[in-house]
Amino acid sequence: MAGQPPITSAIYIAHELSRLAPRFLAKLLDKGVSYVVRGAYGQTVADDDDEAAARRKIEAEVRRHSERFEWHDDGSLSVTHIVPAIRIHEPTSATVFFGNVTWAWGRSRHHGATRPPFRGDDGSYHPPPTFGDGTQMDVEDLDLLLKLAEEGAVDVEWERGDVVLLDN
């Protein structure tokens, strides 16, 4: 795949948060983050699997990451992830931003789903991330986080056959 996808340093994000929003960073460190992904799962489902077998396989796949999931009437699945937001990079002891908070908030904003009931312009549910204990994050903090990720991004020129190795 060729193009210029952006890559942002997680060390940069954590450093800038420590400077610009130390209370937010402390809460992220203490509480972690929670975000909901509603989408397609089932990489191991075979064409001849019945619904019960397919669900068993999908649930086994999901449980590798989370025990919190919910099936919906339309057959889709919502999975709630609760993860640390900050990790320490052991070789360097650097504080590193971790998780999909920027993705989750960016998705909510992109679809205009920043207020309850979090239904986006595409008709889908796009709830914003919360702290790991379920408390809401301030919109200003989320906007700052997204801004840091976007401003710190570097476009990498890719050519077919290129490989990247990220230590995360």
C-alpha atoms as a PDB file:
ATOM      1  CA  MET A   1       0.000   0.000   0.000  1.00  0.00           C
ATOM      2  CA  ALA A   2       1.476   3.328  -1.018  1.00  0.00           C
ATOM      3  CA  GLY A   3       0.624   6.735   0.401  1.00  0.00           C
ATOM      4  CA  GLN A   4       1.436   8.936   3.356  1.00  0.00           C
ATOM      5  CA  PRO A   5      -0.314   7.658   6.491  1.00  0.00           C
ATOM      6  CA  PRO A   6       0.546   9.722   9.559  1.00  0.00           C
ATOM      7  CA  ILE A   7       2.406   8.282  12.533  1.00  0.00           C
ATOM      8  CA  THR A   8       2.454  10.080  15.892  1.00  0.00           C
ATOM      9  CA  SER A   9       4.904   9.513  18.723  1.00  0.00           C
ATOM     10  CA  ALA A  10       3.179   8.255  21.860  1.00  0.00           C
ATOM     11  CA  ILE A  11       6.097   9.662  23.867  1.00  0.00           C
ATOM     12  CA  TYR A  12       5.427  13.113  22.384  1.00  0.00           C
ATOM     13  CA  ILE A  13       1.731  12.939  23.319  1.00  0.00           C
ATOM     14  CA  ALA A  14       2.485  11.916  26.920  1.00  0.00           C
ATOM     15  CA  HIS A  15       5.143  14.632  27.263  1.00  0.00           C
ATOM     16  CA  GLU A  16       2.850  17.350  25.926  1.00  0.00           C
ATOM     17  CA  LEU A  17      -0.016  16.203  28.166  1.00  0.00           C
ATOM     18  CA  SER A  18       2.305  16.430  31.177  1.00  0.00           C
ATOM     19  CA  ARG A  19       3.032  20.043  30.220  1.00  0.00           C
ATOM     20  CA  LEU A  20      -0.413  21.202  29.099  1.00  0.00           C
ATOM     21  CA  ALA A  21      -2.894  19.063  31.048  1.00  0.00           C
ATOM     22  CA  PRO A  22      -1.142  17.385  34.000  1.00  0.00           C
ATOM     23  CA  ARG A  23      -4.415  16.720  35.861  1.00  0.00           C
ATOM     24  CA  PHE A  24      -5.872  14.962  32.813  1.00  0.00           C
ATOM     25  CA  LEU A  25      -2.681  12.910  32.451  1.00  0.00           C
ATOM     26  CA  ALA A  26      -2.836  11.947  36.151  1.00  0.00           C
ATOM     27  CA  LYS A  27      -6.445  10.781  35.758  1.00  0.00           C
ATOM     28  CA  LEU A  28      -5.524   8.765  32.662  1.00  0.00           C
ATOM     29  CA  LEU A  29      -2.693   7.141  34.589  1.00  0.00           C
ATOM     30  CA  ASP A  30      -4.895   6.417  37.609  1.00  0.00           C
ATOM     31  CA  LYS A  31      -8.127   5.322  35.919  1.00  0.00           C
ATOM     32  CA  GLY A  32      -7.193   4.079  32.458  1.00  0.00           C
ATOM     33  CA  VAL A  33      -9.649   4.469  29.598  1.00  0.00           C
ATOM     34  CA  SER A  34     -12.756   2.749  28.331  1.00  0.00           C
ATOM     35  CA  TYR A  35     -14.078   2.810  24.795  1.00  0.00           C
ATOM     36  CA  VAL A  36     -16.705   0.862  22.879  1.00  0.00           C
ATOM     37  CA  VAL A  37     -16.128  -0.720  19.499  1.00  0.00           C
ATOM     38  CA  ARG A  38     -19.176  -1.860  17.592  1.00  0.00           C
ATOM     39  CA  GLY A  39     -18.240  -3.765  14.527  1.00  0.00           C
ATOM     40  CA  ALA A  40     -17.526  -6.954  12.705  1.00  0.00           C
ATOM     41  CA  TYR A  41     -15.728  -9.813  14.368  1.00  0.00           C
ATOM     42  CA  GLY A  42     -15.393 -13.413  13.328  1.00  0.00           C
ATOM     43  CA  GLN A  43     -12.121 -14.082  11.597  1.00  0.00           C
ATOM     44  CA  THR A  44     -12.441 -17.792  12.420  1.00  0.00           C
ATOM     45  CA  VAL A  45     -16.066 -18.228  11.347  1.00  0.00           C
ATOM     46  CA  ALA A  46     -16.490 -20.648   8.443  1.00  0.00           C
ATOM     47  CA  ASP A  47     -19.199 -20.436   5.792  1.00  0.00           C
ATOM     48  CA  ASP A  48     -20.800 -23.672   7.015  1.00  0.00           C
ATOM     49  CA  ASP A  49     -20.949 -22.619  10.707  1.00  0.00           C
ATOM     50  CA  ASP A  50     -24.462 -22.266  12.091  1.00  0.00           C
ATOM     51  CA  GLU A  51     -25.342 -19.182  14.159  1.00  0.00           C
ATOM     52  CA  ALA A  52     -24.533 -20.832  17.496  1.00  0.00           C
ATOM     53  CA  ALA A  53     -21.103 -21.994  16.290  1.00  0.00           C
ATOM     54  CA  ALA A  54     -20.388 -18.591  14.771  1.00  0.00           C
ATOM     55  CA  ARG A  55     -21.272 -16.826  18.030  1.00  0.00           C
ATOM     56  CA  ARG A  56     -19.071 -19.205  20.047  1.00  0.00           C
ATOM     57  CA  LYS A  57     -16.122 -18.513  17.748  1.00  0.00           C
ATOM     58  CA  ILE A  58     -16.713 -14.762  17.766  1.00  0.00           C
ATOM     59  CA  GLU A  59     -17.040 -14.655  21.552  1.00  0.00           C
ATOM     60  CA  ALA A  60     -13.796 -16.629  21.937  1.00  0.00           C
ATOM     61  CA  GLU A  61     -12.087 -14.095  19.653  1.00  0.00           C
ATOM     62  CA  VAL A  62     -13.496 -11.135  21.598  1.00  0.00           C
ATOM     63  CA  ARG A  63     -12.606 -12.624  24.997  1.00  0.00           C
ATOM     64  CA  ARG A  64      -8.927 -12.433  24.069  1.00  0.00           C
ATOM     65  CA  HIS A  65      -9.338  -8.667  24.598  1.00  0.00           C
ATOM     66  CA  SER A  66     -12.426  -8.084  26.730  1.00  0.00           C
ATOM     67  CA  GLU A  67     -15.081  -9.866  28.765  1.00  0.00           C
ATOM     68  CA  ARG A  68     -17.455  -6.947  28.226  1.00  0.00           C
ATOM     69  CA  PHE A  69     -19.505  -7.339  25.096  1.00  0.00           C
ATOM     70  CA  GLU A  70     -23.125  -7.152  24.001  1.00  0.00           C
ATOM     71  CA  TRP A  71     -24.927  -8.687  21.035  1.00  0.00           C
ATOM     72  CA  HIS A  72     -27.482  -6.449  19.294  1.00  0.00           C
ATOM     73  CA  ASP A  73     -30.716  -7.325  17.493  1.00  0.00           C
ATOM     74  CA  ASP A  74     -29.111  -6.607  14.118  1.00  0.00           C
ATOM     75  CA  GLY A  75     -26.438  -9.252  14.794  1.00  0.00           C
ATOM     76  CA  SER A  76     -23.675  -6.740  15.470  1.00  0.00           C
ATOM     77  CA  LEU A  77     -21.574  -6.782  18.575  1.00  0.00           C
ATOM     78  CA  SER A  78     -20.369  -3.987  20.874  1.00  0.00           C
ATOM     79  CA  VAL A  79     -17.157  -4.647  22.766  1.00  0.00           C
ATOM     80  CA  THR A  80     -16.063  -2.440  25.658  1.00  0.00           C
ATOM     81  CA  HIS A  81     -12.319  -2.184  26.147  1.00  0.00           C
ATOM     82  CA  ILE A  82     -10.841  -0.951  29.421  1.00  0.00           C
ATOM     83  CA  VAL A  83      -7.099  -0.428  29.094  1.00  0.00           C
ATOM     84  CA  PRO A  84      -4.292   1.570  30.656  1.00  0.00           C
ATOM     85  CA  ALA A  85      -3.936   4.966  28.996  1.00  0.00           C
ATOM     86  CA  ILE A  86      -0.324   5.440  30.004  1.00  0.00           C
ATOM     87  CA  ARG A  87       2.470   2.900  29.998  1.00  0.00           C
ATOM     88  CA  ILE A  88       6.154   3.049  30.775  1.00  0.00           C
ATOM     89  CA  HIS A  89       8.489   2.051  27.942  1.00  0.00           C
ATOM     90  CA  GLU A  90      10.772  -0.314  29.871  1.00  0.00           C
ATOM     91  CA  PRO A  91      14.001   0.092  27.857  1.00  0.00           C
ATOM     92  CA  THR A  92      13.949   3.897  28.213  1.00  0.00           C
ATOM     93  CA  SER A  93      11.597   4.495  31.191  1.00  0.00           C
ATOM     94  CA  ALA A  94       9.743   6.997  28.989  1.00  0.00           C
ATOM     95  CA  THR A  95       6.100   7.734  29.762  1.00  0.00           C
ATOM     96  CA  VAL A  96       4.096   6.658  26.726  1.00  0.00           C
ATOM     97  CA  PHE A  97       0.502   7.411  25.764  1.00  0.00           C
ATOM     98  CA  PHE A  98      -1.339   4.162  25.029  1.00  0.00           C
ATOM     99  CA  GLY A  99      -4.752   3.133  23.799  1.00  0.00           C
ATOM    100  CA  ASN A 100      -7.273   4.213  21.253  1.00  0.00           C
ATOM    101  CA  VAL A 101      -8.621   7.319  22.973  1.00  0.00           C
ATOM    102  CA  THR A 102      -7.685   9.563  20.061  1.00  0.00           C
ATOM    103  CA  TRP A 103      -9.293   7.160  17.596  1.00  0.00           C
ATOM    104  CA  ALA A 104     -12.471   6.836  19.694  1.00  0.00           C
ATOM    105  CA  TRP A 105     -12.849  10.606  20.221  1.00  0.00           C
ATOM    106  CA  GLY A 106     -11.937  11.377  16.614  1.00  0.00           C
ATOM    107  CA  ARG A 107     -14.598   8.907  15.444  1.00  0.00           C
ATOM    108  CA  SER A 108     -17.222  10.481  17.734  1.00  0.00           C
ATOM    109  CA  ARG A 109     -16.369  13.985  16.488  1.00  0.00           C
ATOM    110  CA  HIS A 110     -16.178  12.956  12.835  1.00  0.00           C
ATOM    111  CA  HIS A 111     -19.697  11.520  13.010  1.00  0.00           C
ATOM    112  CA  GLY A 112     -21.157  14.357  15.116  1.00  0.00           C
ATOM    113  CA  ALA A 113     -21.827  11.990  18.013  1.00  0.00           C
ATOM    114  CA  THR A 114     -20.318  13.935  20.894  1.00  0.00           C
ATOM    115  CA  ARG A 115     -23.537  14.273  22.919  1.00  0.00           C
ATOM    116  CA  PRO A 116     -26.055  11.665  24.106  1.00  0.00           C
ATOM    117  CA  PRO A 117     -27.401   9.490  22.580  1.00  0.00           C
ATOM    118  CA  PHE A 118     -24.115   9.457  20.567  1.00  0.00           C
ATOM    119  CA  ARG A 119     -25.804   8.501  17.296  1.00  0.00           C
ATOM    120  CA  GLY A 120     -23.725   9.689  14.390  1.00  0.00           C
ATOM    121  CA  ASP A 121     -24.549  11.075  10.980  1.00  0.00           C
ATOM    122  CA  ASP A 122     -24.179   7.512   9.675  1.00  0.00           C
ATOM    123  CA  GLY A 123     -26.912   6.249  12.043  1.00  0.00           C
ATOM    124  CA  SER A 124     -24.423   4.268  14.133  1.00  0.00           C
ATOM    125  CA  TYR A 125     -23.570   4.537  17.814  1.00  0.00           C
ATOM    126  CA  HIS A 126     -20.236   6.321  18.425  1.00  0.00           C
ATOM    127  CA  PRO A 127     -19.875   6.948  22.167  1.00  0.00           C
ATOM    128  CA  PRO A 128     -16.859   8.966  23.256  1.00  0.00           C
ATOM    129  CA  PRO A 129     -14.205   7.335  25.423  1.00  0.00           C
ATOM    130  CA  THR A 130     -14.548   7.532  29.196  1.00  0.00           C
ATOM    131  CA  PHE A 131     -12.162   6.928  32.038  1.00  0.00           C
ATOM    132  CA  GLY A 132     -11.806   3.275  32.992  1.00  0.00           C
ATOM    133  CA  ASP A 133     -14.191   3.743  35.921  1.00  0.00           C
ATOM    134  CA  GLY A 134     -16.907   5.023  33.558  1.00  0.00           C
ATOM    135  CA  THR A 135     -16.662   8.712  34.442  1.00  0.00           C
ATOM    136  CA  GLN A 136     -16.833  11.180  31.582  1.00  0.00           C
ATOM    137  CA  MET A 137     -13.776  12.937  30.212  1.00  0.00           C
ATOM    138  CA  ASP A 138     -13.890  16.687  29.648  1.00  0.00           C
ATOM    139  CA  VAL A 139     -14.415  17.609  26.004  1.00  0.00           C
ATOM    140  CA  GLU A 140     -11.616  20.180  26.285  1.00  0.00           C
ATOM    141  CA  ASP A 141      -9.157  17.470  27.377  1.00  0.00           C
ATOM    142  CA  LEU A 142     -10.249  15.139  24.580  1.00  0.00           C
ATOM    143  CA  ASP A 143      -9.942  17.943  22.033  1.00  0.00           C
ATOM    144  CA  LEU A 144      -6.437  18.747  23.308  1.00  0.00           C
ATOM    145  CA  LEU A 145      -5.462  15.093  23.059  1.00  0.00           C
ATOM    146  CA  LEU A 146      -6.711  14.853  19.477  1.00  0.00           C
ATOM    147  CA  LYS A 147      -4.969  18.127  18.607  1.00  0.00           C
ATOM    148  CA  LEU A 148      -1.673  16.824  20.002  1.00  0.00           C
ATOM    149  CA  ALA A 149      -1.999  13.601  18.023  1.00  0.00           C
ATOM    150  CA  GLU A 150      -2.733  15.514  14.829  1.00  0.00           C
ATOM    151  CA  GLU A 151      -0.049  18.189  15.340  1.00  0.00           C
ATOM    152  CA  GLY A 152       2.572  15.619  16.292  1.00  0.00           C
ATOM    153  CA  ALA A 153       1.870  13.413  13.295  1.00  0.00           C
ATOM    154  CA  VAL A 154       4.512  12.863  10.672  1.00  0.00           C
ATOM    155  CA  ASP A 155       3.505  11.712   7.199  1.00  0.00           C
ATOM    156  CA  VAL A 156       5.601   8.761   6.141  1.00  0.00           C
ATOM    157  CA  GLU A 157       6.074   8.250   2.411  1.00  0.00           C
ATOM    158  CA  TRP A 158       5.370   4.593   1.711  1.00  0.00           C
ATOM    159  CA  GLU A 159       6.174   2.536  -1.317  1.00  0.00           C
ATOM    160  CA  ARG A 160       4.998  -0.975  -2.106  1.00  0.00           C
ATOM    161  CA  GLY A 161       7.074  -3.452  -0.110  1.00  0.00           C
ATOM    162  CA  ASP A 162       7.965  -1.041   2.715  1.00  0.00           C
ATOM    163  CA  VAL A 163       7.783  -2.374   6.260  1.00  0.00           C
ATOM    164  CA  VAL A 164       7.623  -0.441   9.524  1.00  0.00           C
ATOM    165  CA  LEU A 165       8.527  -1.729  12.962  1.00  0.00           C
ATOM    166  CA  LEU A 166       6.995   0.215  15.857  1.00  0.00           C
ATOM    167  CA  ASP A 167       8.010  -0.492  19.436  1.00  0.00           C
ATOM    168  CA  ASN A 168       4.723  -0.101  21.252  1.00  0.00           C
END
